N, C-alpha and C. Protein backbone atom coordinates (compact mmCIF):
# COMPACT_ATOMS: atom_id res chain seq x y z
N MET A 1 0.76 -10.18 -28.81
CA MET A 1 1.85 -9.50 -28.18
C MET A 1 3.41 -9.79 -28.26
N SER A 2 4.22 -9.17 -28.87
CA SER A 2 5.59 -9.84 -28.88
C SER A 2 5.40 -9.49 -27.58
N LYS A 3 7.04 -10.45 -26.60
CA LYS A 3 7.22 -10.25 -25.57
C LYS A 3 7.99 -9.28 -25.52
N LYS A 4 8.92 -7.90 -26.91
CA LYS A 4 9.02 -6.95 -26.46
C LYS A 4 8.14 -6.02 -26.70
N ALA A 5 7.09 -5.89 -26.47
CA ALA A 5 6.17 -4.58 -26.24
C ALA A 5 5.77 -5.47 -25.28
N GLY A 6 4.82 -5.90 -24.43
CA GLY A 6 5.00 -6.75 -23.10
C GLY A 6 6.21 -6.66 -22.56
N MET A 7 7.42 -5.69 -22.71
CA MET A 7 8.13 -5.56 -21.69
C MET A 7 8.60 -4.21 -21.79
N ALA A 8 8.48 -4.22 -22.70
CA ALA A 8 8.06 -1.98 -22.72
C ALA A 8 6.81 -1.54 -22.19
N LEU A 9 5.53 -2.43 -22.31
CA LEU A 9 4.79 -1.90 -20.79
C LEU A 9 4.48 -2.12 -19.76
N SER A 10 5.78 -3.62 -19.61
CA SER A 10 5.54 -3.51 -17.89
C SER A 10 6.43 -2.62 -17.82
N ASN A 11 7.25 -2.01 -18.08
CA ASN A 11 7.84 -1.16 -17.46
C ASN A 11 7.33 0.09 -17.92
N ARG A 12 6.67 1.34 -17.68
CA ARG A 12 5.94 2.37 -17.90
C ARG A 12 6.21 2.72 -16.71
N VAL A 13 6.27 3.48 -16.54
CA VAL A 13 6.31 4.12 -14.40
C VAL A 13 4.81 4.99 -14.36
N SER A 14 4.20 5.33 -15.50
CA SER A 14 2.87 5.48 -15.25
C SER A 14 2.48 5.31 -16.22
N ARG A 15 0.65 5.74 -15.84
CA ARG A 15 -0.27 5.15 -17.07
C ARG A 15 -1.25 6.77 -16.79
N ARG A 16 -1.74 7.32 -18.71
CA ARG A 16 -1.85 8.13 -18.32
C ARG A 16 -3.65 7.89 -18.36
N ARG A 17 -4.79 9.09 -17.61
CA ARG A 17 -6.46 8.12 -17.08
C ARG A 17 -6.47 9.23 -18.44
N THR A 18 -8.12 8.70 -18.52
CA THR A 18 -8.46 9.25 -19.96
C THR A 18 -9.30 10.38 -19.24
N GLY A 19 -10.11 11.16 -20.32
CA GLY A 19 -10.44 12.34 -19.73
C GLY A 19 -12.22 12.52 -18.67
N ASP A 20 -12.83 11.39 -18.93
CA ASP A 20 -13.97 10.61 -17.79
C ASP A 20 -13.07 9.76 -16.83
N GLU A 21 -12.36 9.40 -16.62
CA GLU A 21 -11.61 8.57 -15.94
C GLU A 21 -11.43 9.50 -14.29
N LYS A 22 -12.24 8.31 -13.64
CA LYS A 22 -12.37 9.49 -12.46
C LYS A 22 -12.06 8.57 -11.02
N LEU A 23 -10.61 8.75 -10.31
CA LEU A 23 -10.09 8.36 -9.32
C LEU A 23 -11.01 8.44 -8.26
N VAL A 24 -10.72 7.00 -7.34
CA VAL A 24 -11.97 7.03 -6.62
C VAL A 24 -11.10 6.96 -5.22
N PHE A 25 -10.23 6.03 -5.04
CA PHE A 25 -9.88 5.64 -3.70
C PHE A 25 -8.26 5.16 -3.63
N GLU A 26 -7.64 4.45 -3.24
CA GLU A 26 -5.89 4.38 -2.94
C GLU A 26 -6.04 3.41 -2.47
N VAL A 27 -5.76 2.39 -2.69
CA VAL A 27 -5.03 1.06 -0.64
C VAL A 27 -3.77 0.72 -1.12
N PRO A 28 -3.18 0.97 -0.61
CA PRO A 28 -1.99 1.04 -0.32
C PRO A 28 -1.48 -0.73 0.36
N ILE A 29 -0.48 -1.47 -0.33
CA ILE A 29 0.18 -2.15 -0.17
C ILE A 29 1.52 -2.47 0.31
N TYR A 30 1.95 -2.97 1.67
CA TYR A 30 3.01 -2.42 2.83
C TYR A 30 3.40 -3.07 2.51
N ARG A 31 4.95 -2.86 2.81
CA ARG A 31 6.07 -4.82 3.22
C ARG A 31 5.36 -5.42 4.03
N CYS A 32 4.88 -4.99 5.35
CA CYS A 32 4.93 -5.14 6.76
C CYS A 32 3.45 -4.78 7.10
N THR A 33 3.10 -5.97 8.12
CA THR A 33 1.82 -5.16 8.99
C THR A 33 2.20 -4.13 9.72
N LYS A 34 1.89 -3.40 10.22
CA LYS A 34 2.38 -2.13 11.49
C LYS A 34 3.91 -2.74 12.37
N ASP A 35 2.56 -4.16 13.10
CA ASP A 35 2.89 -3.96 14.39
C ASP A 35 3.80 -5.04 13.90
N GLN A 36 4.49 -6.42 12.41
CA GLN A 36 5.17 -6.43 12.32
C GLN A 36 7.03 -5.45 12.06
N PHE A 37 6.67 -4.13 11.93
CA PHE A 37 7.68 -3.04 11.91
C PHE A 37 8.08 -2.67 13.21
N SER A 38 6.41 -2.52 13.26
CA SER A 38 7.25 -2.18 15.44
C SER A 38 8.65 -2.92 15.65
N ASP A 39 7.59 -4.41 15.65
CA ASP A 39 9.21 -5.26 17.08
C ASP A 39 9.88 -5.38 16.11
N GLU A 40 10.47 -4.75 14.67
CA GLU A 40 11.96 -4.50 13.66
C GLU A 40 12.55 -3.56 14.61
N MET A 41 11.28 -2.55 14.60
CA MET A 41 12.29 -1.36 15.03
C MET A 41 12.81 -1.99 16.32
N ALA A 42 12.10 -2.30 17.07
CA ALA A 42 13.03 -2.37 19.01
C ALA A 42 13.88 -3.28 18.90
N LYS A 43 13.80 -4.34 17.68
CA LYS A 43 14.86 -4.93 17.76
C LYS A 43 16.62 -4.24 17.32
N GLU A 44 16.16 -3.33 15.75
CA GLU A 44 17.21 -2.70 16.29
C GLU A 44 16.97 -1.95 17.21
N ARG A 45 16.50 -0.39 18.03
CA ARG A 45 16.68 -0.24 19.01
C ARG A 45 17.42 -0.96 19.89
N ALA A 46 17.35 -1.82 19.76
CA ALA A 46 17.39 -2.72 21.22
C ALA A 46 19.54 -3.00 20.92
N ILE A 47 19.42 -3.86 19.75
CA ILE A 47 20.27 -3.42 19.19
C ILE A 47 22.07 -2.45 19.06
N CYS A 48 21.09 -1.79 18.15
CA CYS A 48 22.15 -0.16 18.70
C CYS A 48 21.92 0.20 19.69
N LEU A 49 20.87 0.32 20.96
CA LEU A 49 20.95 0.89 22.04
C LEU A 49 22.05 -0.36 23.38
N GLY A 50 21.81 -1.09 22.86
CA GLY A 50 21.93 -2.76 23.83
C GLY A 50 23.31 -2.46 24.77
N PRO A 51 24.19 -1.77 23.64
CA PRO A 51 25.77 -1.93 24.75
C PRO A 51 25.44 -0.59 25.54
N LEU A 52 25.35 0.33 25.22
CA LEU A 52 25.06 1.30 26.03
C LEU A 52 24.18 1.66 27.04
N LYS A 53 23.74 0.03 27.81
CA LYS A 53 22.95 0.21 27.86
C LYS A 53 23.14 0.90 30.15
N LYS A 54 24.12 0.60 29.79
CA LYS A 54 24.92 0.85 31.61
C LYS A 54 25.18 1.90 31.88
N LEU A 55 24.68 2.61 30.30
CA LEU A 55 25.08 4.53 30.65
C LEU A 55 23.36 4.99 31.40
N GLN A 56 22.43 4.14 31.44
CA GLN A 56 21.21 4.70 31.25
C GLN A 56 21.57 4.92 33.42
N GLY A 57 21.86 4.46 33.63
CA GLY A 57 21.83 4.20 35.23
C GLY A 57 22.71 5.63 35.61
N GLU A 58 24.40 5.37 35.54
CA GLU A 58 25.61 5.91 35.35
C GLU A 58 24.79 7.13 34.60
N ALA A 59 25.24 7.59 33.91
CA ALA A 59 24.80 8.55 33.18
C ALA A 59 23.67 8.85 32.22
N PRO A 60 22.84 8.66 32.74
CA PRO A 60 21.28 8.86 32.59
C PRO A 60 21.13 9.86 30.90
N LEU A 61 22.00 11.45 31.30
CA LEU A 61 21.78 12.19 29.93
C LEU A 61 22.11 11.79 28.41
N SER A 62 23.50 10.88 29.01
CA SER A 62 23.83 10.36 27.97
C SER A 62 22.79 8.90 26.94
N PHE A 63 22.60 9.09 27.66
CA PHE A 63 21.52 8.01 27.70
C PHE A 63 20.62 8.01 25.96
N THR A 64 20.39 9.24 27.69
CA THR A 64 18.96 9.96 26.48
C THR A 64 19.10 10.54 25.16
N ALA A 65 20.19 10.90 25.10
CA ALA A 65 21.13 11.66 23.36
C ALA A 65 20.91 10.09 22.52
N ALA A 66 21.75 9.43 23.19
CA ALA A 66 21.84 7.92 22.57
C ALA A 66 20.34 7.74 21.58
N GLU A 67 18.91 7.72 22.82
CA GLU A 67 17.99 7.12 22.84
C GLU A 67 16.99 7.88 21.38
N ASN A 68 17.73 9.84 21.85
CA ASN A 68 16.98 10.38 20.87
C ASN A 68 18.01 10.32 19.44
N ARG A 69 19.49 10.83 19.25
CA ARG A 69 19.56 9.98 17.94
C ARG A 69 19.53 8.56 17.73
N PHE A 70 18.80 7.44 18.20
CA PHE A 70 18.12 7.19 17.67
C PHE A 70 17.26 7.02 16.50
N ASP A 71 15.82 8.16 17.22
CA ASP A 71 15.10 8.09 16.88
C ASP A 71 15.21 8.77 15.60
N GLU A 72 16.36 10.42 15.81
CA GLU A 72 16.70 11.36 14.63
C GLU A 72 16.52 10.41 13.32
N THR A 73 18.00 9.87 13.54
CA THR A 73 18.51 8.96 12.29
C THR A 73 18.19 7.53 12.14
N GLU A 74 17.68 7.36 13.12
CA GLU A 74 17.30 4.84 12.10
C GLU A 74 15.65 5.16 12.21
N SER A 75 15.11 5.42 13.66
CA SER A 75 13.79 5.48 13.57
C SER A 75 12.58 6.19 12.23
N TYR A 76 11.55 6.06 11.97
CA TYR A 76 11.21 6.20 10.64
C TYR A 76 9.40 6.05 10.61
N SER A 77 8.99 6.01 10.21
CA SER A 77 7.55 6.16 10.32
C SER A 77 6.56 4.94 9.66
N TRP A 78 6.00 3.92 9.79
CA TRP A 78 6.06 2.87 8.75
C TRP A 78 4.55 3.29 7.44
N LEU A 79 4.06 4.32 8.10
CA LEU A 79 2.76 4.34 7.32
C LEU A 79 4.13 5.46 6.01
N TYR A 80 3.43 4.94 4.97
CA TYR A 80 4.13 5.89 3.89
C TYR A 80 5.76 5.14 3.07
N ASN A 81 6.32 5.19 4.07
CA ASN A 81 7.61 4.60 4.27
C ASN A 81 7.76 3.29 3.71
N GLU A 82 7.30 2.64 4.07
CA GLU A 82 7.15 1.13 4.11
C GLU A 82 5.68 0.68 2.86
N ALA A 83 5.12 1.31 2.09
CA ALA A 83 4.31 1.00 1.24
C ALA A 83 5.22 0.71 -0.16
N ILE A 84 4.75 -0.39 -0.78
CA ILE A 84 5.62 -0.99 -2.25
C ILE A 84 5.10 -1.07 -3.46
N GLY A 85 3.01 -0.47 -3.10
CA GLY A 85 2.05 -0.71 -3.84
C GLY A 85 0.62 0.18 -4.02
N TRP A 86 0.42 0.64 -4.37
CA TRP A 86 -0.63 0.94 -4.63
C TRP A 86 -1.66 0.53 -5.79
N ILE A 87 -2.98 -0.07 -5.39
CA ILE A 87 -4.40 0.06 -5.73
C ILE A 87 -5.03 0.84 -6.55
N GLN A 88 -5.04 1.74 -7.64
CA GLN A 88 -6.04 2.21 -7.38
C GLN A 88 -7.17 2.12 -7.71
N LEU A 89 -8.75 3.01 -7.40
CA LEU A 89 -9.86 2.30 -7.43
C LEU A 89 -10.18 3.15 -9.10
N SER A 90 -10.75 3.64 -9.64
CA SER A 90 -11.29 4.49 -10.36
C SER A 90 -12.23 3.86 -11.05
N VAL A 91 -13.45 4.95 -11.27
CA VAL A 91 -14.74 5.30 -12.15
C VAL A 91 -14.55 5.18 -13.64
N HIS A 92 -14.45 4.82 -14.21
CA HIS A 92 -14.61 4.60 -15.76
C HIS A 92 -16.30 4.59 -16.48
N GLY A 93 -16.49 5.64 -16.57
CA GLY A 93 -17.92 5.13 -17.67
C GLY A 93 -18.98 4.51 -15.97
N THR A 94 -19.27 3.44 -16.57
CA THR A 94 -20.21 1.87 -15.43
C THR A 94 -19.47 0.93 -14.98
N GLU A 95 -18.27 1.82 -15.13
CA GLU A 95 -17.08 0.12 -15.07
C GLU A 95 -16.75 1.30 -14.16
N ILE A 96 -16.17 0.35 -13.47
CA ILE A 96 -14.80 0.02 -11.84
C ILE A 96 -13.91 -0.97 -11.95
N LYS A 97 -12.81 -0.23 -11.90
CA LYS A 97 -11.14 -1.01 -11.60
C LYS A 97 -10.59 -0.88 -11.29
N GLY A 98 -9.95 -1.51 -10.23
CA GLY A 98 -8.82 -1.73 -9.46
C GLY A 98 -7.17 -1.97 -10.65
N GLU A 99 -5.88 -0.78 -10.63
CA GLU A 99 -5.26 -1.23 -11.64
C GLU A 99 -3.76 -0.72 -10.27
N LEU A 100 -3.21 -1.96 -10.66
CA LEU A 100 -2.20 -1.73 -9.66
C LEU A 100 -0.79 -1.65 -10.03
N TYR A 101 -0.26 -0.45 -9.09
CA TYR A 101 1.24 0.08 -8.66
C TYR A 101 2.11 -0.61 -8.25
N ILE A 102 3.48 -0.82 -8.30
CA ILE A 102 3.66 -1.36 -7.34
C ILE A 102 5.78 -1.54 -7.42
N VAL A 103 6.44 -1.84 -6.33
CA VAL A 103 7.43 -1.51 -6.48
C VAL A 103 8.03 -2.77 -8.33
N LYS A 104 8.98 -2.46 -8.14
CA LYS A 104 9.49 -4.01 -9.23
C LYS A 104 10.70 -4.06 -8.97
N ALA A 105 11.68 -4.70 -7.83
CA ALA A 105 12.71 -5.13 -7.43
C ALA A 105 12.42 -6.69 -7.22
N LYS A 106 13.64 -6.65 -7.59
CA LYS A 106 14.05 -8.18 -7.25
C LYS A 106 13.60 -8.96 -5.72
N GLY A 107 14.02 -8.03 -5.07
CA GLY A 107 13.46 -7.95 -3.26
C GLY A 107 13.33 -7.40 -3.13
N ILE A 108 12.63 -7.74 -1.90
CA ILE A 108 11.66 -5.67 -1.63
C ILE A 108 12.30 -6.31 0.64
N ARG A 109 12.48 -5.07 0.44
CA ARG A 109 13.76 -4.59 1.46
C ARG A 109 12.84 -3.75 2.56
N ARG A 110 13.75 -3.42 3.81
CA ARG A 110 13.49 -2.17 4.83
C ARG A 110 14.84 -1.15 3.95
N ARG A 111 13.99 0.48 3.78
CA ARG A 111 14.79 1.46 3.77
C ARG A 111 15.25 1.51 1.88
N MET A 112 14.66 0.89 1.24
CA MET A 112 15.23 0.80 0.34
C MET A 112 14.62 1.77 -1.02
N ARG A 113 15.47 2.03 -2.10
CA ARG A 113 14.91 3.25 -2.95
C ARG A 113 13.81 2.82 -3.48
N LYS A 114 12.66 3.40 -3.67
CA LYS A 114 11.62 2.59 -4.77
C LYS A 114 11.06 3.38 -5.77
N ARG A 115 10.74 2.72 -6.95
CA ARG A 115 9.45 3.21 -8.40
C ARG A 115 8.99 2.67 -8.64
N PHE A 116 7.63 3.42 -8.39
CA PHE A 116 6.33 2.21 -8.97
C PHE A 116 6.33 2.76 -9.43
N GLN A 117 5.68 1.13 -10.49
CA GLN A 117 5.31 1.35 -11.64
C GLN A 117 4.14 0.50 -12.07
N TRP A 118 3.28 1.12 -13.07
CA TRP A 118 2.02 0.31 -13.18
C TRP A 118 2.28 -0.92 -13.78
N ALA A 119 1.09 -2.30 -13.10
CA ALA A 119 2.23 -3.42 -12.84
C ALA A 119 0.18 -4.37 -13.99
N GLY A 120 -0.66 -2.66 -14.23
CA GLY A 120 -1.92 -3.85 -14.76
C GLY A 120 -2.39 -3.56 -14.11
N ASP A 121 -3.90 -3.96 -15.19
CA ASP A 121 -5.84 -3.40 -13.94
C ASP A 121 -5.55 -5.41 -13.47
N LEU A 122 -6.08 -5.16 -11.65
CA LEU A 122 -5.99 -6.24 -11.51
C LEU A 122 -7.38 -6.56 -11.64
N PHE A 123 -8.71 -5.75 -11.36
CA PHE A 123 -10.04 -6.15 -12.06
C PHE A 123 -10.89 -5.01 -11.97
N GLN A 124 -11.70 -5.73 -12.87
CA GLN A 124 -12.59 -4.50 -13.58
C GLN A 124 -13.90 -5.39 -13.51
N PHE A 125 -15.11 -4.22 -13.43
CA PHE A 125 -16.21 -4.44 -13.32
C PHE A 125 -17.12 -3.38 -13.15
N ASP A 126 -18.18 -4.15 -15.01
CA ASP A 126 -19.46 -2.96 -14.68
C ASP A 126 -20.11 -3.73 -13.69
N VAL A 127 -20.65 -1.97 -13.52
CA VAL A 127 -21.90 -1.91 -12.80
C VAL A 127 -23.70 -1.53 -13.33
N PHE A 128 -24.40 -2.62 -13.26
CA PHE A 128 -26.03 -2.39 -14.05
C PHE A 128 -26.46 -1.82 -13.08
N PRO A 129 -27.41 -0.78 -14.58
CA PRO A 129 -28.48 0.22 -13.30
C PRO A 129 -28.92 -0.51 -12.08
N ASN A 130 -29.60 -1.85 -12.10
CA ASN A 130 -30.15 -2.29 -11.41
C ASN A 130 -28.81 -2.85 -9.97
N ASP A 131 -27.88 -2.53 -9.64
CA ASP A 131 -26.58 -3.41 -8.59
C ASP A 131 -27.69 -2.06 -7.52
N SER A 132 -27.22 -2.19 -6.73
CA SER A 132 -26.74 -1.52 -5.39
C SER A 132 -25.63 -0.89 -4.39
N SER A 133 -25.23 -0.07 -4.43
CA SER A 133 -24.29 0.77 -3.54
C SER A 133 -23.69 -0.53 -2.64
N THR A 134 -24.02 -1.10 -1.96
CA THR A 134 -23.93 -1.80 -1.31
C THR A 134 -23.38 -3.21 -1.87
N LYS A 135 -23.62 -3.47 -3.05
CA LYS A 135 -24.12 -4.29 -3.54
C LYS A 135 -22.60 -4.76 -4.36
N VAL A 136 -21.80 -3.05 -5.00
CA VAL A 136 -20.68 -2.36 -5.82
C VAL A 136 -19.80 -2.31 -5.10
N TYR A 137 -19.61 -2.29 -3.64
CA TYR A 137 -19.16 -1.93 -2.39
C TYR A 137 -18.94 -2.85 -2.01
N ASN A 138 -19.27 -3.99 -1.48
CA ASN A 138 -19.26 -5.93 -1.86
C ASN A 138 -18.43 -6.15 -3.10
N THR A 139 -18.08 -6.33 -3.69
CA THR A 139 -18.35 -6.54 -4.98
C THR A 139 -16.41 -6.54 -5.04
N ILE A 140 -16.28 -4.95 -5.01
CA ILE A 140 -14.90 -4.55 -4.84
C ILE A 140 -14.20 -5.11 -3.72
N CYS A 141 -15.08 -5.57 -2.72
CA CYS A 141 -14.06 -5.63 -1.19
C CYS A 141 -13.98 -7.12 -1.53
N THR A 142 -14.70 -8.09 -2.48
CA THR A 142 -14.47 -9.11 -2.30
C THR A 142 -12.88 -9.27 -3.73
N GLU A 143 -12.94 -8.33 -4.35
CA GLU A 143 -11.88 -8.44 -5.36
C GLU A 143 -10.84 -8.22 -4.80
N LEU A 144 -10.92 -7.09 -3.78
CA LEU A 144 -9.92 -6.49 -3.15
C LEU A 144 -8.90 -8.06 -1.96
N ASP A 145 -10.24 -8.91 -1.57
CA ASP A 145 -9.53 -9.89 -0.31
C ASP A 145 -8.72 -11.10 -1.16
N MET A 146 -9.40 -11.33 -2.41
CA MET A 146 -8.79 -12.53 -3.31
C MET A 146 -7.42 -11.84 -3.94
N TYR A 147 -6.90 -10.25 -4.32
CA TYR A 147 -5.94 -9.71 -4.59
C TYR A 147 -5.03 -10.03 -2.91
N ARG A 148 -5.37 -9.40 -1.87
CA ARG A 148 -4.53 -10.83 -0.46
C ARG A 148 -4.48 -11.76 -0.23
N SER A 149 -5.39 -12.13 -1.02
CA SER A 149 -4.64 -13.38 -0.03
C SER A 149 -3.52 -14.36 -1.21
N GLU A 150 -3.65 -13.77 -2.72
CA GLU A 150 -2.49 -13.57 -3.32
C GLU A 150 -1.23 -12.68 -2.87
N LEU A 151 -1.31 -12.08 -1.86
CA LEU A 151 -0.03 -11.00 -1.23
C LEU A 151 0.08 -11.64 -0.46
N GLY A 152 -0.91 -12.82 0.80
CA GLY A 152 -0.33 -13.42 1.75
C GLY A 152 0.72 -14.66 1.57
N THR A 153 0.93 -14.79 0.08
CA THR A 153 1.76 -15.87 0.24
C THR A 153 3.23 -15.33 0.46
N LYS A 154 3.27 -13.97 0.04
CA LYS A 154 4.79 -13.07 -0.04
C LYS A 154 4.88 -12.46 0.95
N LYS A 155 4.10 -12.47 2.02
CA LYS A 155 3.86 -11.88 3.14
C LYS A 155 3.60 -10.25 3.28
N ARG A 156 2.99 -10.32 2.42
CA ARG A 156 2.97 -8.64 2.36
C ARG A 156 1.66 -7.89 2.59
N TYR A 157 1.35 -6.81 3.63
CA TYR A 157 0.11 -6.99 3.40
C TYR A 157 -0.76 -5.46 2.74
N LEU A 158 -2.32 -6.27 2.86
CA LEU A 158 -3.04 -5.06 1.55
C LEU A 158 -3.73 -4.04 2.90
N ASP A 159 -3.78 -2.65 2.74
CA ASP A 159 -4.02 -1.65 3.91
C ASP A 159 -5.19 -1.29 3.50
N THR A 160 -7.11 -2.26 3.44
CA THR A 160 -7.69 -1.98 3.52
C THR A 160 -8.97 -0.77 4.46
N GLU A 161 -8.19 -0.83 5.70
CA GLU A 161 -8.64 0.35 6.96
C GLU A 161 -9.66 1.36 6.05
N ALA A 162 -9.05 2.58 5.38
CA ALA A 162 -9.61 3.67 4.79
C ALA A 162 -11.13 3.10 4.07
N PHE A 163 -10.49 2.50 2.86
CA PHE A 163 -11.68 2.14 2.09
C PHE A 163 -12.90 1.42 3.00
N GLN A 164 -12.75 0.57 4.03
CA GLN A 164 -13.32 0.01 4.86
C GLN A 164 -14.19 1.39 5.44
N ASN A 165 -13.65 2.06 5.98
CA ASN A 165 -14.30 3.15 6.66
C ASN A 165 -14.97 3.80 5.71
N THR A 166 -14.75 4.37 4.73
CA THR A 166 -15.69 4.81 3.74
C THR A 166 -16.86 4.51 3.06
N GLY A 167 -15.94 2.86 2.28
CA GLY A 167 -16.63 2.87 0.98
C GLY A 167 -18.18 2.17 1.06
N PRO A 168 -18.51 2.10 2.41
CA PRO A 168 -20.18 1.92 2.42
C PRO A 168 -20.59 2.41 2.76
N PHE A 169 -20.24 3.75 3.29
CA PHE A 169 -20.80 5.09 2.83
C PHE A 169 -20.69 5.70 1.43
N VAL A 170 -20.50 4.83 0.20
CA VAL A 170 -20.51 6.19 -0.93
C VAL A 170 -21.73 5.20 -1.50
N ASP A 171 -22.35 6.08 -2.26
CA ASP A 171 -23.65 6.13 -3.54
C ASP A 171 -22.62 5.44 -4.39
N TRP A 172 -22.15 4.55 -4.96
CA TRP A 172 -21.79 4.36 -5.93
C TRP A 172 -21.81 3.89 -6.60
N ARG A 173 -23.79 3.70 -7.28
CA ARG A 173 -24.05 4.10 -8.17
C ARG A 173 -24.55 5.67 -8.91
N ARG A 174 -24.64 6.85 -8.27
CA ARG A 174 -24.16 7.37 -8.38
C ARG A 174 -23.25 8.22 -8.73
N LEU A 175 -21.93 7.97 -8.20
CA LEU A 175 -21.14 7.62 -9.06
C LEU A 175 -20.49 7.45 -9.74
N VAL A 176 -20.62 5.89 -10.48
CA VAL A 176 -20.67 5.49 -11.79
C VAL A 176 -21.57 5.91 -12.65
N ARG A 177 -22.79 6.52 -12.52
CA ARG A 177 -23.83 6.83 -13.44
C ARG A 177 -23.45 9.08 -13.74
N SER A 178 -22.75 9.81 -12.80
CA SER A 178 -22.16 10.60 -12.89
C SER A 178 -21.43 11.26 -13.79
């Protein structure tokens, strides 16, 4: 494939699923952990409200109004807002695959405008008839952990909490066979 054709593929915003491909889970990738984000917001709050701290004792209502204004205009939720990518886990026939959708930007920063683009397959593997659901789940976990170790060098956070809470209870064999 030529470089030009490869570049066109990497700039696609989304990829169409085939009719028998089933989306099973989406695993978010965040710019930072929730604790790091909370620390950043606390520092920003201290910088913004620091000069007004003297008002807290003298004019508590004014200070409370300033706190409320900060919360309404500057503060925001980590969940969804700090997402910089997603791994879609899907089933296609007897195959399970993880596809990466990520923000394409030179630098990832807080409050950036984002456009997610399909970046390709992270992994795919066949589920054989004698594979247990536990084995399939563990294989997916191993693949996600390998990608997590890659992300660790970039100080990104792969949030597998929802997948780990529900994945062990999924009948993966039946899902693949249906």
